[in-house]
Amino acid sequence: MEKINSLRDAVTRHNRWSRANPDKMTVFVDSGHICFSGDTPSFAYDYTVILFVMDFTGDINDFT
């Protein structure tokens, strides 16, 4: 999914630890579904994204 890749790229670009350790960070979709509303043929994706970081010893606020 494009938004998941964009999230990973943004975190990697703006976080020094992520740039140095890209193999220790994983981004994935945990669960989701498609939402339909109204009488129009439109829809939206609703999903939970997990950002999993291994062996990080810095400030957690660096990822928010």
PDB file of N, CA and C in Angstrom:
ATOM      1  N   MET A   1       0.843  -1.178   0.000  1.00  0.00           N
ATOM      2  CA  MET A   1       0.000   0.000   0.000  1.00  0.00           C
ATOM      3  C   MET A   1       0.888   1.241   0.000  1.00  0.00           C
ATOM      4  N   GLU A   2       0.491   2.189  -0.791  1.00  0.00           N
ATOM      5  CA  GLU A   2       1.301   3.398  -0.953  1.00  0.00           C
ATOM      6  C   GLU A   2       1.453   4.193   0.343  1.00  0.00           C
ATOM      7  N   LYS A   3       0.397   4.298   1.139  1.00  0.00           N
ATOM      8  CA  LYS A   3       0.483   5.078   2.384  1.00  0.00           C
ATOM      9  C   LYS A   3       1.416   4.426   3.393  1.00  0.00           C
ATOM     10  N   ILE A   4       1.451   3.118   3.423  1.00  0.00           N
ATOM     11  CA  ILE A   4       2.351   2.409   4.337  1.00  0.00           C
ATOM     12  C   ILE A   4       3.802   2.666   3.928  1.00  0.00           C
ATOM     13  N   ASN A   5       4.073   2.589   2.639  1.00  0.00           N
ATOM     14  CA  ASN A   5       5.428   2.871   2.157  1.00  0.00           C
ATOM     15  C   ASN A   5       5.809   4.325   2.409  1.00  0.00           C
ATOM     16  N   SER A   6       4.860   5.237   2.253  1.00  0.00           N
ATOM     17  CA  SER A   6       5.121   6.655   2.521  1.00  0.00           C
ATOM     18  C   SER A   6       5.440   6.888   3.993  1.00  0.00           C
ATOM     19  N   LEU A   7       4.734   6.200   4.883  1.00  0.00           N
ATOM     20  CA  LEU A   7       5.007   6.317   6.315  1.00  0.00           C
ATOM     21  C   LEU A   7       6.419   5.835   6.633  1.00  0.00           C
ATOM     22  N   ARG A   8       6.769   4.685   6.116  1.00  0.00           N
ATOM     23  CA  ARG A   8       8.115   4.144   6.355  1.00  0.00           C
ATOM     24  C   ARG A   8       9.182   5.099   5.823  1.00  0.00           C
ATOM     25  N   ASP A   9       8.984   5.622   4.621  1.00  0.00           N
ATOM     26  CA  ASP A   9       9.947   6.558   4.036  1.00  0.00           C
ATOM     27  C   ASP A   9      10.079   7.823   4.875  1.00  0.00           C
ATOM     28  N   ALA A  10       8.961   8.354   5.369  1.00  0.00           N
ATOM     29  CA  ALA A  10       8.995   9.583   6.176  1.00  0.00           C
ATOM     30  C   ALA A  10       9.724   9.357   7.494  1.00  0.00           C
ATOM     31  N   VAL A  11       9.451   8.244   8.154  1.00  0.00           N
ATOM     32  CA  VAL A  11      10.131   7.953   9.427  1.00  0.00           C
ATOM     33  C   VAL A  11      11.623   7.756   9.188  1.00  0.00           C
ATOM     34  N   THR A  12      11.963   7.042   8.132  1.00  0.00           N
ATOM     35  CA  THR A  12      13.372   6.810   7.823  1.00  0.00           C
ATOM     36  C   THR A  12      14.081   8.119   7.477  1.00  0.00           C
ATOM     37  N   ARG A  13      13.421   8.967   6.738  1.00  0.00           N
ATOM     38  CA  ARG A  13      14.022  10.235   6.312  1.00  0.00           C
ATOM     39  C   ARG A  13      14.249  11.192   7.478  1.00  0.00           C
ATOM     40  N   HIS A  14      13.344  11.198   8.458  1.00  0.00           N
ATOM     41  CA  HIS A  14      13.394  12.185   9.536  1.00  0.00           C
ATOM     42  C   HIS A  14      13.931  11.654  10.865  1.00  0.00           C
ATOM     43  N   ASN A  15      14.366  10.424  10.898  1.00  0.00           N
ATOM     44  CA  ASN A  15      14.857   9.834  12.138  1.00  0.00           C
ATOM     45  C   ASN A  15      16.247   9.249  11.898  1.00  0.00           C
ATOM     46  N   ARG A  16      17.232   9.779  12.584  1.00  0.00           N
ATOM     47  CA  ARG A  16      18.623   9.363  12.388  1.00  0.00           C
ATOM     48  C   ARG A  16      18.813   7.876  12.664  1.00  0.00           C
ATOM     49  N   TRP A  17      18.212   7.359  13.735  1.00  0.00           N
ATOM     50  CA  TRP A  17      18.364   5.943  14.081  1.00  0.00           C
ATOM     51  C   TRP A  17      17.795   5.058  12.971  1.00  0.00           C
ATOM     52  N   SER A  18      16.645   5.437  12.417  1.00  0.00           N
ATOM     53  CA  SER A  18      16.023   4.646  11.347  1.00  0.00           C
ATOM     54  C   SER A  18      16.878   4.623  10.087  1.00  0.00           C
ATOM     55  N   ARG A  19      17.520   5.732   9.788  1.00  0.00           N
ATOM     56  CA  ARG A  19      18.418   5.762   8.623  1.00  0.00           C
ATOM     57  C   ARG A  19      19.600   4.820   8.818  1.00  0.00           C
ATOM     58  N   ALA A  20      20.111   4.736  10.042  1.00  0.00           N
ATOM     59  CA  ALA A  20      21.261   3.876  10.327  1.00  0.00           C
ATOM     60  C   ALA A  20      20.875   2.407  10.480  1.00  0.00           C
ATOM     61  N   ASN A  21      19.606   2.126  10.825  1.00  0.00           N
ATOM     62  CA  ASN A  21      19.156   0.751  11.101  1.00  0.00           C
ATOM     63  C   ASN A  21      17.857   0.423  10.367  1.00  0.00           C
ATOM     64  N   PRO A  22      17.800   0.534   9.058  1.00  0.00           N
ATOM     65  CA  PRO A  22      16.531   0.297   8.360  1.00  0.00           C
ATOM     66  C   PRO A  22      16.028  -1.142   8.478  1.00  0.00           C
ATOM     67  N   ASP A  23      16.928  -2.076   8.712  1.00  0.00           N
ATOM     68  CA  ASP A  23      16.533  -3.479   8.838  1.00  0.00           C
ATOM     69  C   ASP A  23      15.889  -3.796  10.185  1.00  0.00           C
ATOM     70  N   LYS A  24      15.944  -2.874  11.142  1.00  0.00           N
ATOM     71  CA  LYS A  24      15.364  -3.107  12.469  1.00  0.00           C
ATOM     72  C   LYS A  24      14.004  -2.434  12.633  1.00  0.00           C
ATOM     73  N   MET A  25      13.436  -1.953  11.534  1.00  0.00           N
ATOM     74  CA  MET A  25      12.134  -1.299  11.589  1.00  0.00           C
ATOM     75  C   MET A  25      11.208  -1.953  10.561  1.00  0.00           C
ATOM     76  N   THR A  26      10.019  -2.317  11.008  1.00  0.00           N
ATOM     77  CA  THR A  26       9.028  -2.934  10.138  1.00  0.00           C
ATOM     78  C   THR A  26       7.719  -2.174  10.259  1.00  0.00           C
ATOM     79  N   VAL A  27       7.068  -1.960   9.131  1.00  0.00           N
ATOM     80  CA  VAL A  27       5.756  -1.317   9.106  1.00  0.00           C
ATOM     81  C   VAL A  27       4.808  -2.282   8.408  1.00  0.00           C
ATOM     82  N   PHE A  28       3.671  -2.591   9.054  1.00  0.00           N
ATOM     83  CA  PHE A  28       2.715  -3.498   8.426  1.00  0.00           C
ATOM     84  C   PHE A  28       1.300  -3.189   8.874  1.00  0.00           C
ATOM     85  N   VAL A  29       0.342  -3.708   8.115  1.00  0.00           N
ATOM     86  CA  VAL A  29      -1.078  -3.545   8.431  1.00  0.00           C
ATOM     87  C   VAL A  29      -1.505  -4.729   9.270  1.00  0.00           C
ATOM     88  N   ASP A  30      -2.085  -4.449  10.434  1.00  0.00           N
ATOM     89  CA  ASP A  30      -2.521  -5.497  11.351  1.00  0.00           C
ATOM     90  C   ASP A  30      -3.916  -5.999  10.999  1.00  0.00           C
ATOM     91  N   SER A  31      -4.842  -5.099  10.782  1.00  0.00           N
ATOM     92  CA  SER A  31      -6.209  -5.481  10.437  1.00  0.00           C
ATOM     93  C   SER A  31      -6.848  -4.330   9.690  1.00  0.00           C
ATOM     94  N   GLY A  32      -7.917  -4.623   8.986  1.00  0.00           N
ATOM     95  CA  GLY A  32      -8.589  -3.557   8.264  1.00  0.00           C
ATOM     96  C   GLY A  32      -9.818  -4.054   7.539  1.00  0.00           C
ATOM     97  N   HIS A  33     -10.551  -3.105   7.009  1.00  0.00           N
ATOM     98  CA  HIS A  33     -11.731  -3.423   6.223  1.00  0.00           C
ATOM     99  C   HIS A  33     -12.070  -2.239   5.322  1.00  0.00           C
ATOM    100  N   ILE A  34     -12.995  -2.469   4.410  1.00  0.00           N
ATOM    101  CA  ILE A  34     -13.452  -1.422   3.500  1.00  0.00           C
ATOM    102  C   ILE A  34     -14.778  -0.893   4.018  1.00  0.00           C
ATOM    103  N   CYS A  35     -14.906   0.435   4.071  1.00  0.00           N
ATOM    104  CA  CYS A  35     -16.125   1.087   4.560  1.00  0.00           C
ATOM    105  C   CYS A  35     -16.908   1.661   3.385  1.00  0.00           C
ATOM    106  N   PHE A  36     -18.201   1.393   3.368  1.00  0.00           N
ATOM    107  CA  PHE A  36     -19.107   1.971   2.384  1.00  0.00           C
ATOM    108  C   PHE A  36     -20.085   2.867   3.118  1.00  0.00           C
ATOM    109  N   SER A  37     -20.440   3.992   2.506  1.00  0.00           N
ATOM    110  CA  SER A  37     -21.408   4.877   3.157  1.00  0.00           C
ATOM    111  C   SER A  37     -22.282   5.554   2.111  1.00  0.00           C
ATOM    112  N   GLY A  38     -23.514   5.758   2.469  1.00  0.00           N
ATOM    113  CA  GLY A  38     -24.436   6.477   1.600  1.00  0.00           C
ATOM    114  C   GLY A  38     -24.835   5.696   0.367  1.00  0.00           C
ATOM    115  N   ASP A  39     -25.432   6.411  -0.569  1.00  0.00           N
ATOM    116  CA  ASP A  39     -25.934   5.795  -1.792  1.00  0.00           C
ATOM    117  C   ASP A  39     -24.954   5.904  -2.951  1.00  0.00           C
ATOM    118  N   THR A  40     -23.810   6.510  -2.723  1.00  0.00           N
ATOM    119  CA  THR A  40     -22.826   6.660  -3.791  1.00  0.00           C
ATOM    120  C   THR A  40     -21.919   5.436  -3.837  1.00  0.00           C
ATOM    121  N   PRO A  41     -21.299   5.191  -4.976  1.00  0.00           N
ATOM    122  CA  PRO A  41     -20.413   4.024  -5.086  1.00  0.00           C
ATOM    123  C   PRO A  41     -19.001   4.292  -4.548  1.00  0.00           C
ATOM    124  N   SER A  42     -18.885   5.116  -3.530  1.00  0.00           N
ATOM    125  CA  SER A  42     -17.570   5.426  -2.965  1.00  0.00           C
ATOM    126  C   SER A  42     -17.263   4.509  -1.782  1.00  0.00           C
ATOM    127  N   PHE A  43     -15.992   4.444  -1.436  1.00  0.00           N
ATOM    128  CA  PHE A  43     -15.565   3.612  -0.317  1.00  0.00           C
ATOM    129  C   PHE A  43     -14.298   4.195   0.289  1.00  0.00           C
ATOM    130  N   ALA A  44     -13.926   3.691   1.462  1.00  0.00           N
ATOM    131  CA  ALA A  44     -12.698   4.099   2.143  1.00  0.00           C
ATOM    132  C   ALA A  44     -12.096   2.880   2.828  1.00  0.00           C
ATOM    133  N   TYR A  45     -10.790   2.867   2.920  1.00  0.00           N
ATOM    134  CA  TYR A  45     -10.096   1.819   3.657  1.00  0.00           C
ATOM    135  C   TYR A  45      -9.944   2.253   5.108  1.00  0.00           C
ATOM    136  N   ASP A  46     -10.174   1.342   6.026  1.00  0.00           N
ATOM    137  CA  ASP A  46      -9.983   1.589   7.456  1.00  0.00           C
ATOM    138  C   ASP A  46      -9.073   0.476   7.972  1.00  0.00           C
ATOM    139  N   TYR A  47      -7.871   0.847   8.426  1.00  0.00           N
ATOM    140  CA  TYR A  47      -6.920  -0.175   8.850  1.00  0.00           C
ATOM    141  C   TYR A  47      -6.019   0.341   9.961  1.00  0.00           C
ATOM    142  N   THR A  48      -5.407  -0.599  10.671  1.00  0.00           N
ATOM    143  CA  THR A  48      -4.472  -0.303  11.749  1.00  0.00           C
ATOM    144  C   THR A  48      -3.061  -0.582  11.252  1.00  0.00           C
ATOM    145  N   VAL A  49      -2.190   0.399  11.415  1.00  0.00           N
ATOM    146  CA  VAL A  49      -0.797   0.256  10.992  1.00  0.00           C
ATOM    147  C   VAL A  49       0.073   0.065  12.232  1.00  0.00           C
ATOM    148  N   ILE A  50       0.970  -0.894  12.165  1.00  0.00           N
ATOM    149  CA  ILE A  50       1.909  -1.171  13.246  1.00  0.00           C
ATOM    150  C   ILE A  50       3.309  -0.750  12.787  1.00  0.00           C
ATOM    151  N   LEU A  51       3.964   0.049  13.604  1.00  0.00           N
ATOM    152  CA  LEU A  51       5.365   0.415  13.383  1.00  0.00           C
ATOM    153  C   LEU A  51       6.162  -0.322  14.452  1.00  0.00           C
ATOM    154  N   PHE A  52       6.879  -1.356  14.049  1.00  0.00           N
ATOM    155  CA  PHE A  52       7.617  -2.220  14.970  1.00  0.00           C
ATOM    156  C   PHE A  52       9.101  -1.894  14.865  1.00  0.00           C
ATOM    157  N   VAL A  53       9.716  -1.511  15.990  1.00  0.00           N
ATOM    158  CA  VAL A  53      11.123  -1.116  16.020  1.00  0.00           C
ATOM    159  C   VAL A  53      11.854  -1.998  17.028  1.00  0.00           C
ATOM    160  N   MET A  54      12.931  -2.636  16.595  1.00  0.00           N
ATOM    161  CA  MET A  54      13.705  -3.526  17.466  1.00  0.00           C
ATOM    162  C   MET A  54      15.000  -2.857  17.921  1.00  0.00           C
ATOM    163  N   ASP A  55      15.371  -3.081  19.164  1.00  0.00           N
ATOM    164  CA  ASP A  55      16.655  -2.648  19.734  1.00  0.00           C
ATOM    165  C   ASP A  55      16.845  -1.135  19.733  1.00  0.00           C
ATOM    166  N   PHE A  56      15.779  -0.386  19.877  1.00  0.00           N
ATOM    167  CA  PHE A  56      15.866   1.074  19.927  1.00  0.00           C
ATOM    168  C   PHE A  56      16.003   1.510  21.375  1.00  0.00           C
ATOM    169  N   THR A  57      17.012   2.312  21.684  1.00  0.00           N
ATOM    170  CA  THR A  57      17.240   2.750  23.062  1.00  0.00           C
ATOM    171  C   THR A  57      17.064   4.253  23.238  1.00  0.00           C
ATOM    172  N   GLY A  58      16.619   4.931  22.192  1.00  0.00           N
ATOM    173  CA  GLY A  58      16.454   6.382  22.268  1.00  0.00           C
ATOM    174  C   GLY A  58      15.110   6.789  22.845  1.00  0.00           C
ATOM    175  N   ASP A  59      14.752   8.030  22.632  1.00  0.00           N
ATOM    176  CA  ASP A  59      13.502   8.607  23.117  1.00  0.00           C
ATOM    177  C   ASP A  59      12.354   8.210  22.185  1.00  0.00           C
ATOM    178  N   ILE A  60      11.292   7.647  22.732  1.00  0.00           N
ATOM    179  CA  ILE A  60      10.157   7.197  21.927  1.00  0.00           C
ATOM    180  C   ILE A  60       9.511   8.354  21.167  1.00  0.00           C
ATOM    181  N   ASN A  61       9.648   9.563  21.665  1.00  0.00           N
ATOM    182  CA  ASN A  61       9.085  10.726  20.982  1.00  0.00           C
ATOM    183  C   ASN A  61       9.761  11.003  19.644  1.00  0.00           C
ATOM    184  N   ASP A  62      10.897  10.397  19.383  1.00  0.00           N
ATOM    185  CA  ASP A  62      11.537  10.535  18.077  1.00  0.00           C
ATOM    186  C   ASP A  62      10.706   9.897  16.964  1.00  0.00           C
ATOM    187  N   PHE A  63       9.778   9.023  17.333  1.00  0.00           N
ATOM    188  CA  PHE A  63       8.938   8.350  16.344  1.00  0.00           C
ATOM    189  C   PHE A  63       7.533   8.933  16.262  1.00  0.00           C
ATOM    190  N   THR A  64       7.249   9.989  16.995  1.00  0.00           N
ATOM    191  CA  THR A  64       5.906  10.576  16.954  1.00  0.00           C
ATOM    192  C   THR A  64       5.912  11.928  16.304  1.00  0.00           C
TER     193      THR A  64
END
